[in-house]
Structure formats: structure tokens, C-alpha cells
Amino acid sequence: MLWPFSHFRKPRLAPRGTIEAIYGMIVTQAREPIFYRDLGVPDTVNGRFDLLLLHLWLLLRRLRTAPDSTALAQALFDRFCEDMDDNLREMGVGDQTVPKRMRAFGEAFYGRSMAYDQAMDEGGEALAAAISRNLLSRNVLDGGAPAEARRLAAYARAADAELERTDAAVLLGASFTFPSPLREDMTP
């Protein structure tokens, strides 16, 4: 009997099916075994979370430049928050703790997004260093980022370039794909 109260809900400007399809594509890509088996991403809750953030950031980065995509970008971020809330509750986190954890997720997302954006702008090894620190939980020493971080950075740059070449209508229609993480042309 909640239908009389539906007018209190914030209306979604992007179709729910599109949001689910795109978010599903992000989650599916972030769950590719190659990242964990061959590219050194820890197969842990934190590793999976950080890889999901990387893919969400890549898509939201592209949507910043796509016309009429503001509502979709916000809806995708909202869907990410719903997913994180659901996951916390499934893991048994109590109602009192969920808001604190959600705030930490938001801070992690915005912090990593800023670090990745800045690293993309700097070029060179900066993205590999940011990925090493945030995704692989390894600080970069004098020898530079580890090989896995450089390969993940090459993947992120290739995915960013491919998303940039993708027509906005294709993005908004959930008809795009992420590149394979082990494509031959993605050398660090």
C-alpha cells in the first residue's frame, strides 16, 4: 500500500532499465576474472569495490562531456549508492552503521575520482601510481609503479579513449562495451 506515497519520491529522469543496464555493464566488467587473476587486483571486498569505482569513474568521466547526460550520470551514481547500501545490509551491517559506511564510500569515490582525473591530466606514470596506491594498495617507490599498475593504467587509458570515441547516443542507450583488459595494444 505504498503507492499513495509515490509522489514523495524524487522522479528519475533516466529510464530505470537504462540505468540498470549500464550499471550492470560496469559491475560485469569489474568482476572480470582477468583483473584478479592476471592484473594483480586483490580478490577481496576492497579490491572489488575499488575496481568498481574505477569503472564507474571511467564512465562518469565520459558522461561529463556527453550532451544531455547529467541526469543519467546522477542516476548511475545513485544506483551505485543503492548497491553499496544493499551490500552493506546483506553483510549484516546494522542500520546505525550504514550511514557512516556510506559516507566513507562517497569519500572514497570522490577521492579516487579526483586522483584519477588529476593523474590522467598529468600523463606518464601518474595514473599507474594512483592505481597502485588506490587499487592495489601499494605505494610507489623510487622504482616506479609495479607492472600490474602500469598494465591497469594502460587499460584505463584505453577504456577512456574508447569511451571518448563512443557516440553519446550509444552511451545513453547502453549499447557500448568496455575493452578487454588484456588487449594486445594496451601495453604500459
N, C-alpha and C. Protein backbone atom coordinates (compact mmCIF):
# COMPACT_ATOMS: atom_id res chain seq x y z
N MET A 1 0.81 -1.20 0.00
CA MET A 1 0.00 0.00 0.00
C MET A 1 0.86 1.26 0.00
N LEU A 2 2.04 1.23 -0.59
CA LEU A 2 2.89 2.41 -0.63
C LEU A 2 2.57 3.34 -1.79
N TRP A 3 1.78 2.87 -2.74
CA TRP A 3 1.54 3.69 -3.93
C TRP A 3 1.00 5.08 -3.65
N PRO A 4 0.18 5.33 -2.61
CA PRO A 4 -0.29 6.71 -2.41
C PRO A 4 0.85 7.67 -2.08
N PHE A 5 1.97 7.15 -1.61
CA PHE A 5 3.06 8.00 -1.20
C PHE A 5 4.12 8.15 -2.29
N SER A 6 3.87 7.61 -3.45
CA SER A 6 4.87 7.67 -4.51
C SER A 6 5.16 9.09 -4.96
N HIS A 7 4.27 10.03 -4.70
CA HIS A 7 4.53 11.41 -5.11
C HIS A 7 5.63 12.05 -4.28
N PHE A 8 6.04 11.42 -3.16
CA PHE A 8 7.14 11.93 -2.36
C PHE A 8 8.50 11.53 -2.93
N ARG A 9 8.53 10.55 -3.81
CA ARG A 9 9.80 10.09 -4.39
C ARG A 9 10.33 11.11 -5.38
N LYS A 10 11.65 11.17 -5.43
CA LYS A 10 12.30 12.03 -6.41
C LYS A 10 12.17 11.35 -7.77
N PRO A 11 11.65 12.04 -8.77
CA PRO A 11 11.48 11.39 -10.07
C PRO A 11 12.83 11.10 -10.73
N ARG A 12 12.92 9.97 -11.41
CA ARG A 12 14.11 9.61 -12.17
C ARG A 12 13.96 10.18 -13.57
N LEU A 13 14.99 10.87 -14.01
CA LEU A 13 14.94 11.45 -15.34
C LEU A 13 15.47 10.49 -16.40
N ALA A 14 16.24 9.50 -15.97
CA ALA A 14 16.76 8.49 -16.90
C ALA A 14 15.94 7.21 -16.69
N PRO A 15 15.62 6.51 -17.75
CA PRO A 15 14.83 5.28 -17.60
C PRO A 15 15.53 4.25 -16.72
N ARG A 16 14.78 3.65 -15.83
CA ARG A 16 15.35 2.68 -14.88
C ARG A 16 16.04 1.52 -15.61
N GLY A 17 15.45 1.05 -16.70
CA GLY A 17 16.06 -0.05 -17.45
C GLY A 17 17.42 0.32 -18.01
N THR A 18 17.58 1.55 -18.46
CA THR A 18 18.87 2.02 -18.98
C THR A 18 19.89 2.10 -17.85
N ILE A 19 19.47 2.62 -16.73
CA ILE A 19 20.36 2.73 -15.57
C ILE A 19 20.83 1.34 -15.15
N GLU A 20 19.88 0.42 -15.05
CA GLU A 20 20.24 -0.95 -14.65
C GLU A 20 21.17 -1.61 -15.66
N ALA A 21 20.90 -1.39 -16.94
CA ALA A 21 21.75 -1.99 -17.98
C ALA A 21 23.17 -1.45 -17.90
N ILE A 22 23.32 -0.15 -17.79
CA ILE A 22 24.66 0.45 -17.74
C ILE A 22 25.36 0.06 -16.45
N TYR A 23 24.66 0.14 -15.34
CA TYR A 23 25.31 -0.23 -14.07
C TYR A 23 25.69 -1.71 -14.10
N GLY A 24 24.85 -2.53 -14.69
CA GLY A 24 25.17 -3.95 -14.83
C GLY A 24 26.42 -4.17 -15.67
N MET A 25 26.60 -3.34 -16.72
CA MET A 25 27.80 -3.44 -17.55
C MET A 25 29.04 -3.07 -16.74
N ILE A 26 28.93 -2.05 -15.90
CA ILE A 26 30.05 -1.63 -15.05
C ILE A 26 30.41 -2.75 -14.09
N VAL A 27 29.41 -3.30 -13.42
CA VAL A 27 29.65 -4.37 -12.44
C VAL A 27 30.23 -5.60 -13.13
N THR A 28 29.68 -5.97 -14.27
CA THR A 28 30.17 -7.14 -15.01
C THR A 28 31.63 -6.96 -15.39
N GLN A 29 31.98 -5.79 -15.89
CA GLN A 29 33.38 -5.55 -16.27
C GLN A 29 34.28 -5.60 -15.05
N ALA A 30 33.83 -5.03 -13.94
CA ALA A 30 34.65 -5.01 -12.73
C ALA A 30 34.80 -6.41 -12.13
N ARG A 31 33.96 -7.33 -12.50
CA ARG A 31 34.06 -8.71 -11.99
C ARG A 31 34.82 -9.65 -12.92
N GLU A 32 35.36 -9.14 -14.02
CA GLU A 32 36.12 -9.97 -14.95
C GLU A 32 37.28 -10.63 -14.20
N PRO A 33 37.37 -11.96 -14.25
CA PRO A 33 38.44 -12.66 -13.52
C PRO A 33 39.85 -12.23 -13.93
N ILE A 34 40.02 -11.75 -15.13
CA ILE A 34 41.34 -11.33 -15.61
C ILE A 34 41.96 -10.28 -14.69
N PHE A 35 41.15 -9.36 -14.19
CA PHE A 35 41.68 -8.31 -13.32
C PHE A 35 42.31 -8.91 -12.06
N TYR A 36 41.69 -9.93 -11.54
CA TYR A 36 42.14 -10.52 -10.28
C TYR A 36 43.23 -11.57 -10.51
N ARG A 37 43.05 -12.34 -11.55
CA ARG A 37 43.97 -13.44 -11.84
C ARG A 37 45.28 -12.94 -12.48
N ASP A 38 45.17 -12.01 -13.43
CA ASP A 38 46.34 -11.62 -14.22
C ASP A 38 46.85 -10.21 -13.97
N LEU A 39 46.04 -9.35 -13.40
CA LEU A 39 46.45 -7.95 -13.26
C LEU A 39 46.66 -7.51 -11.81
N GLY A 40 46.63 -8.44 -10.88
CA GLY A 40 47.02 -8.16 -9.51
C GLY A 40 46.02 -7.47 -8.63
N VAL A 41 44.78 -7.30 -9.08
CA VAL A 41 43.77 -6.69 -8.22
C VAL A 41 43.43 -7.70 -7.13
N PRO A 42 43.49 -7.30 -5.87
CA PRO A 42 43.16 -8.24 -4.79
C PRO A 42 41.70 -8.70 -4.90
N ASP A 43 41.48 -10.01 -4.85
CA ASP A 43 40.13 -10.56 -4.92
C ASP A 43 39.52 -10.53 -3.53
N THR A 44 39.29 -9.31 -3.07
CA THR A 44 38.73 -9.05 -1.74
C THR A 44 37.57 -8.08 -1.90
N VAL A 45 36.86 -7.84 -0.83
CA VAL A 45 35.77 -6.86 -0.86
C VAL A 45 36.34 -5.50 -1.28
N ASN A 46 37.47 -5.11 -0.70
CA ASN A 46 38.06 -3.81 -1.04
C ASN A 46 38.55 -3.77 -2.48
N GLY A 47 39.17 -4.85 -2.94
CA GLY A 47 39.65 -4.89 -4.32
C GLY A 47 38.51 -4.78 -5.31
N ARG A 48 37.44 -5.51 -5.05
CA ARG A 48 36.28 -5.46 -5.94
C ARG A 48 35.62 -4.07 -5.91
N PHE A 49 35.54 -3.49 -4.72
CA PHE A 49 34.97 -2.15 -4.57
C PHE A 49 35.80 -1.15 -5.38
N ASP A 50 37.12 -1.21 -5.24
CA ASP A 50 37.96 -0.24 -5.94
C ASP A 50 37.94 -0.43 -7.45
N LEU A 51 37.81 -1.65 -7.91
CA LEU A 51 37.72 -1.88 -9.35
C LEU A 51 36.36 -1.38 -9.89
N LEU A 52 35.32 -1.55 -9.10
CA LEU A 52 34.01 -0.99 -9.46
C LEU A 52 34.10 0.53 -9.55
N LEU A 53 34.77 1.15 -8.58
CA LEU A 53 34.94 2.61 -8.60
C LEU A 53 35.69 3.06 -9.84
N LEU A 54 36.73 2.33 -10.23
CA LEU A 54 37.50 2.69 -11.42
C LEU A 54 36.60 2.72 -12.65
N HIS A 55 35.78 1.69 -12.82
CA HIS A 55 34.91 1.62 -13.99
C HIS A 55 33.78 2.65 -13.94
N LEU A 56 33.24 2.88 -12.76
CA LEU A 56 32.22 3.92 -12.62
C LEU A 56 32.83 5.28 -12.95
N TRP A 57 34.03 5.54 -12.45
CA TRP A 57 34.71 6.80 -12.75
C TRP A 57 34.94 6.95 -14.25
N LEU A 58 35.39 5.89 -14.91
CA LEU A 58 35.63 5.97 -16.35
C LEU A 58 34.37 6.40 -17.11
N LEU A 59 33.25 5.79 -16.76
CA LEU A 59 32.02 6.13 -17.47
C LEU A 59 31.52 7.52 -17.10
N LEU A 60 31.56 7.86 -15.83
CA LEU A 60 31.11 9.20 -15.43
C LEU A 60 32.02 10.28 -16.01
N ARG A 61 33.29 9.97 -16.16
CA ARG A 61 34.22 10.91 -16.80
C ARG A 61 33.77 11.21 -18.23
N ARG A 62 33.38 10.17 -18.95
CA ARG A 62 32.91 10.35 -20.33
C ARG A 62 31.58 11.09 -20.37
N LEU A 63 30.70 10.76 -19.44
CA LEU A 63 29.37 11.39 -19.44
C LEU A 63 29.44 12.88 -19.16
N ARG A 64 30.51 13.36 -18.53
CA ARG A 64 30.67 14.79 -18.29
C ARG A 64 30.66 15.59 -19.59
N THR A 65 31.13 14.95 -20.67
CA THR A 65 31.23 15.66 -21.95
C THR A 65 30.11 15.30 -22.92
N ALA A 66 29.26 14.37 -22.54
CA ALA A 66 28.16 13.96 -23.42
C ALA A 66 26.96 14.87 -23.20
N PRO A 67 26.34 15.32 -24.29
CA PRO A 67 25.16 16.18 -24.14
C PRO A 67 24.00 15.41 -23.50
N ASP A 68 23.24 16.11 -22.70
CA ASP A 68 22.03 15.56 -22.08
C ASP A 68 22.31 14.33 -21.22
N SER A 69 23.46 14.27 -20.58
CA SER A 69 23.80 13.09 -19.80
C SER A 69 23.84 13.33 -18.30
N THR A 70 23.56 14.54 -17.87
CA THR A 70 23.65 14.87 -16.45
C THR A 70 22.72 14.00 -15.61
N ALA A 71 21.50 13.83 -16.06
CA ALA A 71 20.53 13.02 -15.31
C ALA A 71 20.98 11.56 -15.25
N LEU A 72 21.50 11.05 -16.35
CA LEU A 72 21.98 9.66 -16.36
C LEU A 72 23.18 9.50 -15.44
N ALA A 73 24.10 10.44 -15.47
CA ALA A 73 25.27 10.36 -14.59
C ALA A 73 24.83 10.34 -13.13
N GLN A 74 23.90 11.21 -12.77
CA GLN A 74 23.42 11.24 -11.39
C GLN A 74 22.69 9.95 -11.04
N ALA A 75 21.89 9.45 -11.96
CA ALA A 75 21.16 8.21 -11.71
C ALA A 75 22.12 7.03 -11.54
N LEU A 76 23.20 7.01 -12.30
CA LEU A 76 24.19 5.94 -12.15
C LEU A 76 24.87 6.02 -10.79
N PHE A 77 25.22 7.23 -10.38
CA PHE A 77 25.83 7.37 -9.05
C PHE A 77 24.84 6.96 -7.97
N ASP A 78 23.57 7.36 -8.12
CA ASP A 78 22.54 6.95 -7.16
C ASP A 78 22.40 5.43 -7.12
N ARG A 79 22.46 4.78 -8.28
CA ARG A 79 22.36 3.32 -8.35
C ARG A 79 23.55 2.67 -7.65
N PHE A 80 24.75 3.24 -7.83
CA PHE A 80 25.93 2.77 -7.13
C PHE A 80 25.70 2.86 -5.61
N CYS A 81 25.17 3.99 -5.15
CA CYS A 81 24.91 4.15 -3.71
C CYS A 81 23.89 3.13 -3.21
N GLU A 82 22.84 2.89 -3.99
CA GLU A 82 21.85 1.87 -3.62
C GLU A 82 22.51 0.50 -3.52
N ASP A 83 23.37 0.19 -4.47
CA ASP A 83 24.06 -1.09 -4.48
C ASP A 83 24.95 -1.25 -3.25
N MET A 84 25.68 -0.20 -2.91
CA MET A 84 26.55 -0.26 -1.74
C MET A 84 25.73 -0.42 -0.46
N ASP A 85 24.62 0.31 -0.36
CA ASP A 85 23.74 0.18 0.79
C ASP A 85 23.21 -1.24 0.91
N ASP A 86 22.74 -1.78 -0.22
CA ASP A 86 22.23 -3.16 -0.22
C ASP A 86 23.30 -4.16 0.20
N ASN A 87 24.52 -3.98 -0.31
CA ASN A 87 25.60 -4.89 0.03
C ASN A 87 25.96 -4.82 1.51
N LEU A 88 25.98 -3.62 2.07
CA LEU A 88 26.26 -3.49 3.50
C LEU A 88 25.22 -4.23 4.33
N ARG A 89 23.97 -4.06 3.96
CA ARG A 89 22.90 -4.71 4.72
C ARG A 89 22.96 -6.23 4.58
N GLU A 90 23.31 -6.71 3.36
CA GLU A 90 23.46 -8.16 3.16
C GLU A 90 24.61 -8.72 3.98
N MET A 91 25.64 -7.90 4.20
CA MET A 91 26.79 -8.35 5.00
C MET A 91 26.50 -8.25 6.50
N GLY A 92 25.32 -7.76 6.85
CA GLY A 92 24.93 -7.71 8.25
C GLY A 92 25.30 -6.43 8.97
N VAL A 93 25.65 -5.40 8.25
CA VAL A 93 25.96 -4.12 8.88
C VAL A 93 24.66 -3.52 9.40
N GLY A 94 24.67 -3.06 10.62
CA GLY A 94 23.47 -2.54 11.25
C GLY A 94 23.04 -1.18 10.73
N ASP A 95 21.77 -0.87 10.96
CA ASP A 95 21.19 0.38 10.49
C ASP A 95 21.93 1.62 11.01
N GLN A 96 22.47 1.54 12.21
CA GLN A 96 23.17 2.68 12.79
C GLN A 96 24.52 2.93 12.10
N THR A 97 25.12 1.89 11.57
CA THR A 97 26.45 1.98 10.98
C THR A 97 26.41 2.27 9.48
N VAL A 98 25.33 1.92 8.82
CA VAL A 98 25.24 2.09 7.36
C VAL A 98 25.53 3.52 6.92
N PRO A 99 24.95 4.56 7.53
CA PRO A 99 25.24 5.93 7.06
C PRO A 99 26.73 6.29 7.15
N LYS A 100 27.41 5.84 8.19
CA LYS A 100 28.84 6.12 8.32
C LYS A 100 29.63 5.44 7.21
N ARG A 101 29.28 4.19 6.94
CA ARG A 101 29.97 3.46 5.88
C ARG A 101 29.67 4.06 4.51
N MET A 102 28.44 4.51 4.30
CA MET A 102 28.07 5.14 3.03
C MET A 102 28.86 6.44 2.84
N ARG A 103 29.03 7.19 3.90
CA ARG A 103 29.82 8.41 3.81
C ARG A 103 31.26 8.07 3.43
N ALA A 104 31.79 6.99 4.01
CA ALA A 104 33.15 6.55 3.67
C ALA A 104 33.23 6.13 2.20
N PHE A 105 32.18 5.46 1.70
CA PHE A 105 32.16 5.08 0.28
C PHE A 105 32.17 6.32 -0.61
N GLY A 106 31.36 7.30 -0.24
CA GLY A 106 31.31 8.54 -1.02
C GLY A 106 32.65 9.26 -1.02
N GLU A 107 33.28 9.32 0.14
CA GLU A 107 34.59 9.95 0.23
C GLU A 107 35.61 9.19 -0.61
N ALA A 108 35.54 7.86 -0.57
CA ALA A 108 36.46 7.04 -1.37
C ALA A 108 36.23 7.31 -2.86
N PHE A 109 34.97 7.35 -3.27
CA PHE A 109 34.68 7.60 -4.68
C PHE A 109 35.22 8.96 -5.11
N TYR A 110 34.89 10.01 -4.37
CA TYR A 110 35.31 11.34 -4.78
C TYR A 110 36.83 11.50 -4.69
N GLY A 111 37.44 10.92 -3.68
CA GLY A 111 38.90 10.99 -3.56
C GLY A 111 39.59 10.29 -4.70
N ARG A 112 39.15 9.10 -5.04
CA ARG A 112 39.75 8.37 -6.15
C ARG A 112 39.47 9.06 -7.48
N SER A 113 38.26 9.57 -7.64
CA SER A 113 37.92 10.27 -8.88
C SER A 113 38.85 11.46 -9.09
N MET A 114 39.06 12.24 -8.04
CA MET A 114 39.97 13.38 -8.15
C MET A 114 41.38 12.92 -8.47
N ALA A 115 41.84 11.88 -7.79
CA ALA A 115 43.20 11.37 -8.02
C ALA A 115 43.35 10.86 -9.44
N TYR A 116 42.36 10.11 -9.93
CA TYR A 116 42.44 9.57 -11.29
C TYR A 116 42.33 10.68 -12.34
N ASP A 117 41.45 11.65 -12.12
CA ASP A 117 41.33 12.76 -13.06
C ASP A 117 42.66 13.53 -13.14
N GLN A 118 43.22 13.83 -11.99
CA GLN A 118 44.49 14.55 -11.96
C GLN A 118 45.59 13.74 -12.63
N ALA A 119 45.63 12.44 -12.34
CA ALA A 119 46.65 11.58 -12.93
C ALA A 119 46.49 11.49 -14.44
N MET A 120 45.26 11.42 -14.94
CA MET A 120 45.03 11.39 -16.39
C MET A 120 45.54 12.67 -17.03
N ASP A 121 45.32 13.79 -16.36
CA ASP A 121 45.78 15.07 -16.90
C ASP A 121 47.31 15.17 -16.88
N GLU A 122 47.94 14.60 -15.86
CA GLU A 122 49.40 14.65 -15.74
C GLU A 122 50.08 13.74 -16.75
N GLY A 123 49.43 12.62 -17.07
CA GLY A 123 50.01 11.67 -18.02
C GLY A 123 51.16 10.89 -17.41
N GLY A 124 51.90 10.21 -18.26
CA GLY A 124 53.05 9.43 -17.82
C GLY A 124 52.68 8.38 -16.80
N GLU A 125 53.49 8.29 -15.78
CA GLU A 125 53.33 7.27 -14.75
C GLU A 125 52.32 7.66 -13.67
N ALA A 126 51.76 8.85 -13.74
CA ALA A 126 50.88 9.33 -12.67
C ALA A 126 49.67 8.43 -12.47
N LEU A 127 49.06 7.98 -13.55
CA LEU A 127 47.89 7.11 -13.40
C LEU A 127 48.28 5.76 -12.81
N ALA A 128 49.40 5.23 -13.23
CA ALA A 128 49.87 3.96 -12.67
C ALA A 128 50.14 4.11 -11.17
N ALA A 129 50.69 5.24 -10.77
CA ALA A 129 50.95 5.47 -9.34
C ALA A 129 49.64 5.57 -8.57
N ALA A 130 48.65 6.29 -9.12
CA ALA A 130 47.35 6.42 -8.45
C ALA A 130 46.65 5.07 -8.36
N ILE A 131 46.73 4.28 -9.42
CA ILE A 131 46.11 2.95 -9.40
C ILE A 131 46.84 2.04 -8.42
N SER A 132 48.15 2.13 -8.40
CA SER A 132 48.92 1.31 -7.47
C SER A 132 48.52 1.62 -6.03
N ARG A 133 48.41 2.89 -5.72
CA ARG A 133 48.07 3.32 -4.37
C ARG A 133 46.63 2.96 -4.00
N ASN A 134 45.68 3.25 -4.91
CA ASN A 134 44.27 3.10 -4.58
C ASN A 134 43.70 1.72 -4.85
N LEU A 135 44.10 1.10 -5.94
CA LEU A 135 43.50 -0.16 -6.35
C LEU A 135 44.30 -1.37 -5.87
N LEU A 136 45.62 -1.24 -5.89
CA LEU A 136 46.47 -2.35 -5.49
C LEU A 136 47.00 -2.21 -4.06
N SER A 137 46.70 -1.08 -3.42
CA SER A 137 47.13 -0.78 -2.05
C SER A 137 48.65 -0.87 -1.90
N ARG A 138 49.35 -0.39 -2.91
CA ARG A 138 50.82 -0.37 -2.85
C ARG A 138 51.30 1.04 -3.12
N ASN A 139 52.18 1.51 -2.28
CA ASN A 139 52.79 2.81 -2.52
C ASN A 139 53.88 2.66 -3.57
N VAL A 140 54.02 3.66 -4.39
CA VAL A 140 55.04 3.63 -5.43
C VAL A 140 56.35 4.10 -4.83
N LEU A 141 57.36 3.29 -5.03
CA LEU A 141 58.69 3.64 -4.54
C LEU A 141 59.51 4.23 -5.68
N ASP A 142 60.80 4.42 -5.46
CA ASP A 142 61.68 5.01 -6.46
C ASP A 142 61.68 4.25 -7.78
N GLY A 143 61.44 2.95 -7.74
CA GLY A 143 61.47 2.14 -8.95
C GLY A 143 60.24 2.32 -9.82
N GLY A 144 59.28 3.10 -9.38
CA GLY A 144 58.06 3.31 -10.15
C GLY A 144 56.97 2.32 -9.78
N ALA A 145 55.86 2.46 -10.43
CA ALA A 145 54.68 1.62 -10.17
C ALA A 145 54.98 0.18 -10.60
N PRO A 146 54.39 -0.79 -9.91
CA PRO A 146 54.58 -2.18 -10.33
C PRO A 146 53.96 -2.43 -11.71
N ALA A 147 54.41 -3.49 -12.34
CA ALA A 147 53.96 -3.82 -13.70
C ALA A 147 52.44 -3.93 -13.78
N GLU A 148 51.80 -4.51 -12.76
CA GLU A 148 50.34 -4.65 -12.78
C GLU A 148 49.67 -3.29 -12.82
N ALA A 149 50.20 -2.33 -12.05
CA ALA A 149 49.62 -0.99 -12.02
C ALA A 149 49.79 -0.31 -13.38
N ARG A 150 50.93 -0.51 -14.02
CA ARG A 150 51.14 0.08 -15.34
C ARG A 150 50.19 -0.54 -16.36
N ARG A 151 49.95 -1.85 -16.26
CA ARG A 151 49.01 -2.51 -17.18
C ARG A 151 47.58 -2.04 -16.92
N LEU A 152 47.21 -1.88 -15.66
CA LEU A 152 45.87 -1.37 -15.34
C LEU A 152 45.71 0.08 -15.80
N ALA A 153 46.78 0.87 -15.69
CA ALA A 153 46.72 2.25 -16.17
C ALA A 153 46.56 2.28 -17.69
N ALA A 154 47.28 1.39 -18.38
CA ALA A 154 47.13 1.31 -19.85
C ALA A 154 45.70 0.91 -20.21
N TYR A 155 45.13 -0.02 -19.45
CA TYR A 155 43.74 -0.42 -19.67
C TYR A 155 42.81 0.78 -19.45
N ALA A 156 43.00 1.51 -18.34
CA ALA A 156 42.13 2.65 -18.03
C ALA A 156 42.24 3.72 -19.11
N ARG A 157 43.45 3.99 -19.60
CA ARG A 157 43.61 4.98 -20.67
C ARG A 157 42.93 4.51 -21.96
N ALA A 158 43.06 3.21 -22.27
CA ALA A 158 42.41 2.66 -23.48
C ALA A 158 40.89 2.70 -23.34
N ALA A 159 40.38 2.36 -22.15
CA ALA A 159 38.93 2.41 -21.92
C ALA A 159 38.44 3.85 -22.01
N ASP A 160 39.20 4.78 -21.44
CA ASP A 160 38.84 6.19 -21.50
C ASP A 160 38.78 6.66 -22.95
N ALA A 161 39.79 6.29 -23.73
CA ALA A 161 39.82 6.70 -25.15
C ALA A 161 38.68 6.07 -25.94
N GLU A 162 38.39 4.80 -25.66
CA GLU A 162 37.30 4.13 -26.37
C GLU A 162 35.95 4.74 -26.00
N LEU A 163 35.75 5.04 -24.73
CA LEU A 163 34.51 5.69 -24.32
C LEU A 163 34.40 7.08 -24.94
N GLU A 164 35.52 7.78 -25.04
CA GLU A 164 35.51 9.11 -25.64
C GLU A 164 35.11 9.05 -27.12
N ARG A 165 35.52 8.00 -27.81
CA ARG A 165 35.17 7.85 -29.23
C ARG A 165 33.74 7.37 -29.42
N THR A 166 33.12 6.86 -28.37
CA THR A 166 31.77 6.32 -28.47
C THR A 166 30.76 7.46 -28.54
N ASP A 167 29.87 7.37 -29.49
CA ASP A 167 28.83 8.36 -29.68
C ASP A 167 27.96 8.47 -28.41
N ALA A 168 27.56 9.67 -28.09
CA ALA A 168 26.76 9.91 -26.88
C ALA A 168 25.46 9.10 -26.90
N ALA A 169 24.82 8.97 -28.06
CA ALA A 169 23.57 8.21 -28.14
C ALA A 169 23.81 6.74 -27.80
N VAL A 170 24.95 6.22 -28.18
CA VAL A 170 25.30 4.83 -27.86
C VAL A 170 25.51 4.68 -26.36
N LEU A 171 26.18 5.66 -25.75
CA LEU A 171 26.36 5.64 -24.29
C LEU A 171 25.02 5.70 -23.58
N LEU A 172 24.20 6.66 -23.96
CA LEU A 172 22.92 6.87 -23.30
C LEU A 172 21.96 5.71 -23.53
N GLY A 173 22.18 4.94 -24.59
CA GLY A 173 21.34 3.79 -24.89
C GLY A 173 21.89 2.48 -24.37
N ALA A 174 22.96 2.54 -23.60
CA ALA A 174 23.58 1.34 -23.00
C ALA A 174 24.01 0.34 -24.07
N SER A 175 24.55 0.85 -25.17
CA SER A 175 24.96 -0.01 -26.28
C SER A 175 26.47 -0.07 -26.46
N PHE A 176 27.23 0.38 -25.50
CA PHE A 176 28.68 0.39 -25.60
C PHE A 176 29.27 -0.82 -24.88
N THR A 177 30.55 -1.02 -25.05
CA THR A 177 31.26 -2.06 -24.30
C THR A 177 32.58 -1.50 -23.80
N PHE A 178 33.06 -2.07 -22.73
CA PHE A 178 34.39 -1.76 -22.25
C PHE A 178 35.37 -2.63 -23.03
N PRO A 179 36.60 -2.17 -23.21
CA PRO A 179 37.57 -3.00 -23.93
C PRO A 179 38.02 -4.18 -23.07
N SER A 180 38.59 -5.16 -23.71
CA SER A 180 39.17 -6.29 -22.98
C SER A 180 40.37 -5.80 -22.19
N PRO A 181 40.53 -6.23 -20.96
CA PRO A 181 41.66 -5.77 -20.16
C PRO A 181 43.02 -6.26 -20.67
N LEU A 182 43.04 -7.27 -21.52
CA LEU A 182 44.31 -7.81 -21.98
C LEU A 182 44.53 -7.63 -23.47
N ARG A 183 43.92 -6.61 -24.06
CA ARG A 183 44.14 -6.37 -25.48
C ARG A 183 45.62 -6.14 -25.73
N GLU A 184 46.08 -6.62 -26.87
CA GLU A 184 47.49 -6.51 -27.22
C GLU A 184 47.96 -5.07 -27.33
N ASP A 185 47.07 -4.16 -27.74
CA ASP A 185 47.51 -2.77 -27.93
C ASP A 185 47.56 -1.99 -26.62
N MET A 186 47.31 -2.64 -25.49
CA MET A 186 47.35 -1.97 -24.20
C MET A 186 48.64 -2.30 -23.48
N THR A 187 49.71 -1.82 -24.00
CA THR A 187 50.99 -2.06 -23.34
C THR A 187 51.32 -0.85 -22.50
N PRO A 188 51.88 -1.09 -21.33
CA PRO A 188 52.20 0.03 -20.44
C PRO A 188 53.29 0.93 -20.98
